[in-house]
PDB file of N, CA and C in Angstrom:
ATOM      1  N   MET A   1      46.813 262.634 151.241  1.00  0.00           N
ATOM      2  CA  MET A   1      45.533 262.275 151.803  1.00  0.00           C
ATOM      3  C   MET A   1      45.668 262.203 153.331  1.00  0.00           C
ATOM      4  N   ILE A   2      44.705 262.754 154.009  1.00  0.00           N
ATOM      5  CA  ILE A   2      44.680 262.715 155.466  1.00  0.00           C
ATOM      6  C   ILE A   2      43.536 261.797 155.879  1.00  0.00           C
ATOM      7  N   ILE A   3      43.863 260.847 156.716  1.00  0.00           N
ATOM      8  CA  ILE A   3      42.847 259.916 157.213  1.00  0.00           C
ATOM      9  C   ILE A   3      42.820 260.028 158.728  1.00  0.00           C
ATOM     10  N   GLU A   4      41.738 260.560 159.225  1.00  0.00           N
ATOM     11  CA  GLU A   4      41.605 260.778 160.658  1.00  0.00           C
ATOM     12  C   GLU A   4      41.390 259.450 161.378  1.00  0.00           C
ATOM     13  N   GLY A   5      42.113 259.247 162.452  1.00  0.00           N
ATOM     14  CA  GLY A   5      41.887 258.090 163.302  1.00  0.00           C
ATOM     15  C   GLY A   5      42.838 256.923 163.106  1.00  0.00           C
ATOM     16  N   ILE A   6      43.766 257.019 162.153  1.00  0.00           N
ATOM     17  CA  ILE A   6      44.674 255.883 161.928  1.00  0.00           C
ATOM     18  C   ILE A   6      45.528 255.612 163.163  1.00  0.00           C
ATOM     19  N   SER A   7      46.160 256.645 163.704  1.00  0.00           N
ATOM     20  CA  SER A   7      47.008 256.421 164.884  1.00  0.00           C
ATOM     21  C   SER A   7      46.166 256.032 166.091  1.00  0.00           C
ATOM     22  N   THR A   8      44.949 256.552 166.174  1.00  0.00           N
ATOM     23  CA  THR A   8      44.056 256.192 167.277  1.00  0.00           C
ATOM     24  C   THR A   8      43.635 254.734 167.174  1.00  0.00           C
ATOM     25  N   THR A   9      43.403 254.274 165.968  1.00  0.00           N
ATOM     26  CA  THR A   9      43.046 252.867 165.762  1.00  0.00           C
ATOM     27  C   THR A   9      44.144 251.954 166.274  1.00  0.00           C
ATOM     28  N   LYS A  10      45.381 252.274 165.937  1.00  0.00           N
ATOM     29  CA  LYS A  10      46.508 251.448 166.381  1.00  0.00           C
ATOM     30  C   LYS A  10      46.626 251.456 167.903  1.00  0.00           C
ATOM     31  N   ALA A  11      46.525 252.640 168.496  1.00  0.00           N
ATOM     32  CA  ALA A  11      46.632 252.754 169.956  1.00  0.00           C
ATOM     33  C   ALA A  11      45.502 252.010 170.657  1.00  0.00           C
ATOM     34  N   ALA A  12      44.281 252.162 170.153  1.00  0.00           N
ATOM     35  CA  ALA A  12      43.131 251.486 170.764  1.00  0.00           C
ATOM     36  C   ALA A  12      43.255 249.977 170.638  1.00  0.00           C
ATOM     37  N   TYR A  13      43.686 249.506 169.472  1.00  0.00           N
ATOM     38  CA  TYR A  13      43.856 248.066 169.254  1.00  0.00           C
ATOM     39  C   TYR A  13      44.906 247.494 170.205  1.00  0.00           C
ATOM     40  N   GLU A  14      46.050 248.153 170.290  1.00  0.00           N
ATOM     41  CA  GLU A  14      47.129 247.663 171.153  1.00  0.00           C
ATOM     42  C   GLU A  14      46.720 247.671 172.619  1.00  0.00           C
ATOM     43  N   LEU A  15      46.014 248.710 173.054  1.00  0.00           N
ATOM     44  CA  LEU A  15      45.548 248.767 174.441  1.00  0.00           C
ATOM     45  C   LEU A  15      44.514 247.683 174.715  1.00  0.00           C
ATOM     46  N   ALA A  16      43.609 247.461 173.764  1.00  0.00           N
ATOM     47  CA  ALA A  16      42.607 246.397 173.931  1.00  0.00           C
ATOM     48  C   ALA A  16      43.279 245.035 174.045  1.00  0.00           C
ATOM     49  N   GLN A  17      44.310 244.804 173.248  1.00  0.00           N
ATOM     50  CA  GLN A  17      45.046 243.543 173.321  1.00  0.00           C
ATOM     51  C   GLN A  17      45.726 243.392 174.676  1.00  0.00           C
ATOM     52  N   GLU A  18      46.340 244.463 175.126  1.00  0.00           N
ATOM     53  CA  GLU A  18      47.058 244.442 176.405  1.00  0.00           C
ATOM     54  C   GLU A  18      46.114 244.183 177.580  1.00  0.00           C
ATOM     55  N   LEU A  19      44.918 244.782 177.531  1.00  0.00           N
ATOM     56  CA  LEU A  19      43.969 244.674 178.642  1.00  0.00           C
ATOM     57  C   LEU A  19      42.924 243.586 178.432  1.00  0.00           C
ATOM     58  N   ASP A  20      43.032 242.849 177.332  1.00  0.00           N
ATOM     59  CA  ASP A  20      42.091 241.784 176.989  1.00  0.00           C
ATOM     60  C   ASP A  20      40.652 242.298 176.940  1.00  0.00           C
ATOM     61  N   VAL A  21      40.473 243.416 176.220  1.00  0.00           N
ATOM     62  CA  VAL A  21      39.157 244.026 176.042  1.00  0.00           C
ATOM     63  C   VAL A  21      38.638 243.637 174.661  1.00  0.00           C
ATOM     64  N   TYR A  22      37.393 243.233 174.595  1.00  0.00           N
ATOM     65  CA  TYR A  22      36.760 242.795 173.360  1.00  0.00           C
ATOM     66  C   TYR A  22      36.312 244.015 172.553  1.00  0.00           C
ATOM     67  N   MET A  23      36.979 244.273 171.431  1.00  0.00           N
ATOM     68  CA  MET A  23      36.660 245.427 170.572  1.00  0.00           C
ATOM     69  C   MET A  23      36.691 244.977 169.110  1.00  0.00           C
ATOM     70  N   PRO A  24      35.643 244.273 168.646  1.00  0.00           N
ATOM     71  CA  PRO A  24      35.669 243.693 167.304  1.00  0.00           C
ATOM     72  C   PRO A  24      35.731 244.721 166.175  1.00  0.00           C
ATOM     73  N   ILE A  25      35.119 245.876 166.342  1.00  0.00           N
ATOM     74  CA  ILE A  25      35.162 246.888 165.282  1.00  0.00           C
ATOM     75  C   ILE A  25      36.558 247.461 165.164  1.00  0.00           C
ATOM     76  N   THR A  26      37.168 247.783 166.295  1.00  0.00           N
ATOM     77  CA  THR A  26      38.544 248.284 166.296  1.00  0.00           C
ATOM     78  C   THR A  26      39.488 247.238 165.720  1.00  0.00           C
ATOM     79  N   GLN A  27      39.291 245.990 166.084  1.00  0.00           N
ATOM     80  CA  GLN A  27      40.133 244.914 165.566  1.00  0.00           C
ATOM     81  C   GLN A  27      40.005 244.807 164.048  1.00  0.00           C
ATOM     82  N   ALA A  28      38.795 244.888 163.541  1.00  0.00           N
ATOM     83  CA  ALA A  28      38.583 244.787 162.097  1.00  0.00           C
ATOM     84  C   ALA A  28      39.230 245.955 161.360  1.00  0.00           C
ATOM     85  N   ILE A  29      39.057 247.158 161.878  1.00  0.00           N
ATOM     86  CA  ILE A  29      39.667 248.332 161.244  1.00  0.00           C
ATOM     87  C   ILE A  29      41.181 248.213 161.269  1.00  0.00           C
ATOM     88  N   TYR A  30      41.733 247.785 162.394  1.00  0.00           N
ATOM     89  CA  TYR A  30      43.181 247.597 162.504  1.00  0.00           C
ATOM     90  C   TYR A  30      43.677 246.588 161.470  1.00  0.00           C
ATOM     91  N   GLN A  31      42.982 245.478 161.338  1.00  0.00           N
ATOM     92  CA  GLN A  31      43.406 244.444 160.398  1.00  0.00           C
ATOM     93  C   GLN A  31      43.357 244.928 158.958  1.00  0.00           C
ATOM     94  N   VAL A  32      42.379 245.748 158.624  1.00  0.00           N
ATOM     95  CA  VAL A  32      42.287 246.292 157.268  1.00  0.00           C
ATOM     96  C   VAL A  32      43.435 247.273 157.021  1.00  0.00           C
ATOM     97  N   ILE A  33      43.678 248.174 157.973  1.00  0.00           N
ATOM     98  CA  ILE A  33      44.696 249.208 157.783  1.00  0.00           C
ATOM     99  C   ILE A  33      46.112 248.649 157.868  1.00  0.00           C
ATOM    100  N   TYR A  34      46.393 247.866 158.904  1.00  0.00           N
ATOM    101  CA  TYR A  34      47.775 247.468 159.193  1.00  0.00           C
ATOM    102  C   TYR A  34      48.154 246.073 158.723  1.00  0.00           C
ATOM    103  N   GLU A  35      47.164 245.212 158.490  1.00  0.00           N
ATOM    104  CA  GLU A  35      47.483 243.839 158.103  1.00  0.00           C
ATOM    105  C   GLU A  35      47.020 243.509 156.689  1.00  0.00           C
ATOM    106  N   GLY A  36      46.420 244.479 156.017  1.00  0.00           N
ATOM    107  CA  GLY A  36      46.031 244.295 154.630  1.00  0.00           C
ATOM    108  C   GLY A  36      44.833 243.388 154.397  1.00  0.00           C
ATOM    109  N   GLN A  37      44.034 243.177 155.433  1.00  0.00           N
ATOM    110  CA  GLN A  37      42.858 242.323 155.253  1.00  0.00           C
ATOM    111  C   GLN A  37      41.863 243.013 154.331  1.00  0.00           C
ATOM    112  N   ASP A  38      41.199 242.259 153.505  1.00  0.00           N
ATOM    113  CA  ASP A  38      40.179 242.781 152.615  1.00  0.00           C
ATOM    114  C   ASP A  38      39.009 243.318 153.439  1.00  0.00           C
ATOM    115  N   ILE A  39      38.538 244.500 153.101  1.00  0.00           N
ATOM    116  CA  ILE A  39      37.470 245.137 153.864  1.00  0.00           C
ATOM    117  C   ILE A  39      36.200 244.287 153.867  1.00  0.00           C
ATOM    118  N   ARG A  40      35.922 243.613 152.768  1.00  0.00           N
ATOM    119  CA  ARG A  40      34.724 242.759 152.698  1.00  0.00           C
ATOM    120  C   ARG A  40      34.832 241.588 153.667  1.00  0.00           C
ATOM    121  N   GLU A  41      36.026 241.019 153.777  1.00  0.00           N
ATOM    122  CA  GLU A  41      36.237 239.918 154.718  1.00  0.00           C
ATOM    123  C   GLU A  41      36.076 240.401 156.161  1.00  0.00           C
ATOM    124  N   ALA A  42      36.590 241.579 156.451  1.00  0.00           N
ATOM    125  CA  ALA A  42      36.476 242.129 157.801  1.00  0.00           C
ATOM    126  C   ALA A  42      35.014 242.360 158.170  1.00  0.00           C
ATOM    127  N   ILE A  43      34.244 242.918 157.238  1.00  0.00           N
ATOM    128  CA  ILE A  43      32.819 243.155 157.485  1.00  0.00           C
ATOM    129  C   ILE A  43      32.076 241.832 157.641  1.00  0.00           C
ATOM    130  N   ASN A  44      32.376 240.884 156.782  1.00  0.00           N
ATOM    131  CA  ASN A  44      31.739 239.577 156.863  1.00  0.00           C
ATOM    132  C   ASN A  44      32.027 238.906 158.202  1.00  0.00           C
ATOM    133  N   PHE A  45      33.272 238.990 158.656  1.00  0.00           N
ATOM    134  CA  PHE A  45      33.631 238.397 159.943  1.00  0.00           C
ATOM    135  C   PHE A  45      32.849 239.053 161.077  1.00  0.00           C
ATOM    136  N   MET A  46      32.760 240.384 161.062  1.00  0.00           N
ATOM    137  CA  MET A  46      32.031 241.083 162.124  1.00  0.00           C
ATOM    138  C   MET A  46      30.553 240.719 162.116  1.00  0.00           C
ATOM    139  N   MET A  47      29.965 240.634 160.935  1.00  0.00           N
ATOM    140  CA  MET A  47      28.536 240.359 160.840  1.00  0.00           C
ATOM    141  C   MET A  47      28.185 238.915 161.193  1.00  0.00           C
ATOM    142  N   ASN A  48      29.138 238.002 161.045  1.00  0.00           N
ATOM    143  CA  ASN A  48      28.866 236.592 161.319  1.00  0.00           C
ATOM    144  C   ASN A  48      29.503 236.091 162.611  1.00  0.00           C
ATOM    145  N   ASN A  49      30.177 236.974 163.311  1.00  0.00           N
ATOM    146  CA  ASN A  49      30.854 236.605 164.544  1.00  0.00           C
ATOM    147  C   ASN A  49      29.844 236.529 165.689  1.00  0.00           C
ATOM    148  N   GLU A  50      30.095 235.642 166.611  1.00  0.00           N
ATOM    149  CA  GLU A  50      29.263 235.564 167.803  1.00  0.00           C
ATOM    150  C   GLU A  50      29.787 236.595 168.795  1.00  0.00           C
ATOM    151  N   PHE A  51      28.992 237.617 169.020  1.00  0.00           N
ATOM    152  CA  PHE A  51      29.444 238.699 169.880  1.00  0.00           C
ATOM    153  C   PHE A  51      29.210 238.388 171.341  1.00  0.00           C
ATOM    154  N   LYS A  52      30.029 239.005 172.166  1.00  0.00           N
ATOM    155  CA  LYS A  52      29.916 238.851 173.607  1.00  0.00           C
ATOM    156  C   LYS A  52      29.017 239.945 174.163  1.00  0.00           C
ATOM    157  N   GLU A  53      28.443 239.686 175.307  1.00  0.00           N
ATOM    158  CA  GLU A  53      27.628 240.684 175.967  1.00  0.00           C
ATOM    159  C   GLU A  53      28.534 241.798 176.473  1.00  0.00           C
ATOM    160  N   GLU A  54      28.071 243.024 176.302  1.00  0.00           N
ATOM    161  CA  GLU A  54      28.826 244.164 176.796  1.00  0.00           C
ATOM    162  C   GLU A  54      28.100 244.747 177.990  1.00  0.00           C
ATOM    163  N   ASN A  55      28.840 244.970 179.056  1.00  0.00           N
ATOM    164  CA  ASN A  55      28.277 245.582 180.252  1.00  0.00           C
ATOM    165  C   ASN A  55      29.354 246.444 180.877  1.00  0.00           C
ATOM    166  N   GLU A  56      29.244 247.728 180.659  1.00  0.00           N
ATOM    167  CA  GLU A  56      30.261 248.659 181.127  1.00  0.00           C
ATOM    168  C   GLU A  56      30.072 249.086 182.560  1.00  0.00           C
ATOM    169  N   TRP A  57      28.942 248.771 183.156  1.00  0.00           N
ATOM    170  CA  TRP A  57      28.613 249.359 184.451  1.00  0.00           C
ATOM    171  C   TRP A  57      28.767 248.409 185.627  1.00  0.00           C
ATOM    172  N   ASN A  58      29.346 247.248 185.419  1.00  0.00           N
ATOM    173  CA  ASN A  58      29.561 246.328 186.550  1.00  0.00           C
ATOM    174  C   ASN A  58      30.877 246.584 187.214  1.00  0.00           C
TER     175      ASN A  58
END
């Protein structure tokens, strides 16, 4: 089975951690793939999490 984006998910997650960038979707995908978190729990956390404002242009 080929799953596109697995290595990219890991790289993006690690870079976000290093640079302290808020990436909740990447974090959830990483936790499901690499930490064995249940997909339902990851979705529930994302949907009930208090998100931060995103502003890429400042």
